[in-house]
């Protein structure tokens, strides 16, 4: 099974706040949740920036493609 090792450096006050919020959950589980939230936020921000940088004609083409009916799909 493939694995991914990530080293995460956080300021001590953030580690303390994660530890306090963890309650009965493990610190590792809380850290993993925080990391997933951060990655989703960064992915959304990166996609938004990329999307905004597209030329207007490309945006129009993508909008038209998105709005086009798909054969066999009911809207």
Protein backbone atom coordinates (compact mmCIF):
# COMPACT_ATOMS: atom_id res chain seq x y z
CA UNK A 1 0.00 0.00 0.00
CA UNK A 2 1.45 3.41 -0.94
CA UNK A 3 2.08 5.84 1.89
CA UNK A 4 2.62 9.56 2.10
CA UNK A 5 4.72 11.09 4.83
CA UNK A 6 4.21 14.77 5.53
CA UNK A 7 6.23 16.89 7.90
CA UNK A 8 4.14 19.72 9.26
CA UNK A 9 5.72 22.57 11.17
CA UNK A 10 3.36 24.57 13.34
CA UNK A 11 3.95 27.29 15.91
CA UNK A 12 3.69 26.01 19.48
CA UNK A 13 0.47 27.97 20.19
CA UNK A 14 -1.25 26.19 17.28
CA UNK A 15 -0.07 22.80 18.53
CA UNK A 16 -1.38 23.66 22.01
CA UNK A 17 -4.74 24.75 20.60
CA UNK A 18 -5.05 21.53 18.56
CA UNK A 19 -4.17 19.50 21.64
CA UNK A 20 -6.82 21.35 23.70
CA UNK A 21 -9.49 20.88 21.03
CA UNK A 22 -8.64 17.22 20.58
CA UNK A 23 -10.37 16.09 23.76
CA UNK A 24 -10.74 12.34 23.35
CA UNK A 25 -9.50 12.38 19.75
CA UNK A 26 -5.84 11.84 19.04
CA UNK A 27 -3.54 14.72 18.24
CA UNK A 28 -2.68 12.97 14.96
CA UNK A 29 -6.35 12.80 13.95
CA UNK A 30 -6.93 16.46 14.74
CA UNK A 31 -3.77 17.45 12.86
CA UNK A 32 -4.85 15.40 9.84
CA UNK A 33 -8.24 17.13 9.85
CA UNK A 34 -6.59 20.56 10.03
CA UNK A 35 -4.25 19.62 7.19
CA UNK A 36 -7.15 18.45 5.00
CA UNK A 37 -9.02 21.71 5.64
CA UNK A 38 -5.92 23.74 4.75
CA UNK A 39 -5.29 21.76 1.55
CA UNK A 40 -8.93 22.19 0.46
CA UNK A 41 -8.74 25.92 1.11
CA UNK A 42 -5.49 26.22 -0.83
CA UNK A 43 -6.84 24.12 -3.70
CA UNK A 44 -9.97 26.26 -3.94
CA UNK A 45 -7.93 29.47 -3.83
CA UNK A 46 -5.49 28.19 -6.46
CA UNK A 47 -8.32 27.09 -8.75
CA UNK A 48 -10.05 30.44 -8.33
CA UNK A 49 -6.85 32.33 -9.21
CA UNK A 50 -6.27 30.09 -12.23
CA UNK A 51 -9.87 30.51 -13.36
CA UNK A 52 -9.72 34.30 -13.02
CA UNK A 53 -6.50 34.39 -15.08
CA UNK A 54 -8.14 32.70 -18.08
CA UNK A 55 -8.73 34.90 -21.12
CA UNK A 56 -12.36 35.99 -21.51
CA UNK A 57 -12.85 33.95 -24.71
CA UNK A 58 -11.71 30.78 -22.93
CA UNK A 59 -14.11 31.48 -20.05
CA UNK A 60 -16.92 31.95 -22.57
CA UNK A 61 -16.06 28.65 -24.28
CA UNK A 62 -16.00 26.82 -20.95
CA UNK A 63 -19.32 28.38 -19.90
CA UNK A 64 -20.89 27.37 -23.23
CA UNK A 65 -19.57 23.82 -22.91
CA UNK A 66 -20.86 23.60 -19.33
CA UNK A 67 -24.31 24.83 -20.39
CA UNK A 68 -24.56 22.55 -23.44
CA UNK A 69 -26.99 19.63 -23.13
CA UNK A 70 -25.33 16.25 -22.77
CA UNK A 71 -26.82 13.46 -24.87
CA UNK A 72 -28.45 10.90 -22.61
CA UNK A 73 -28.41 13.17 -19.59
CA UNK A 74 -31.61 14.68 -18.31
CA UNK A 75 -31.25 18.23 -17.03
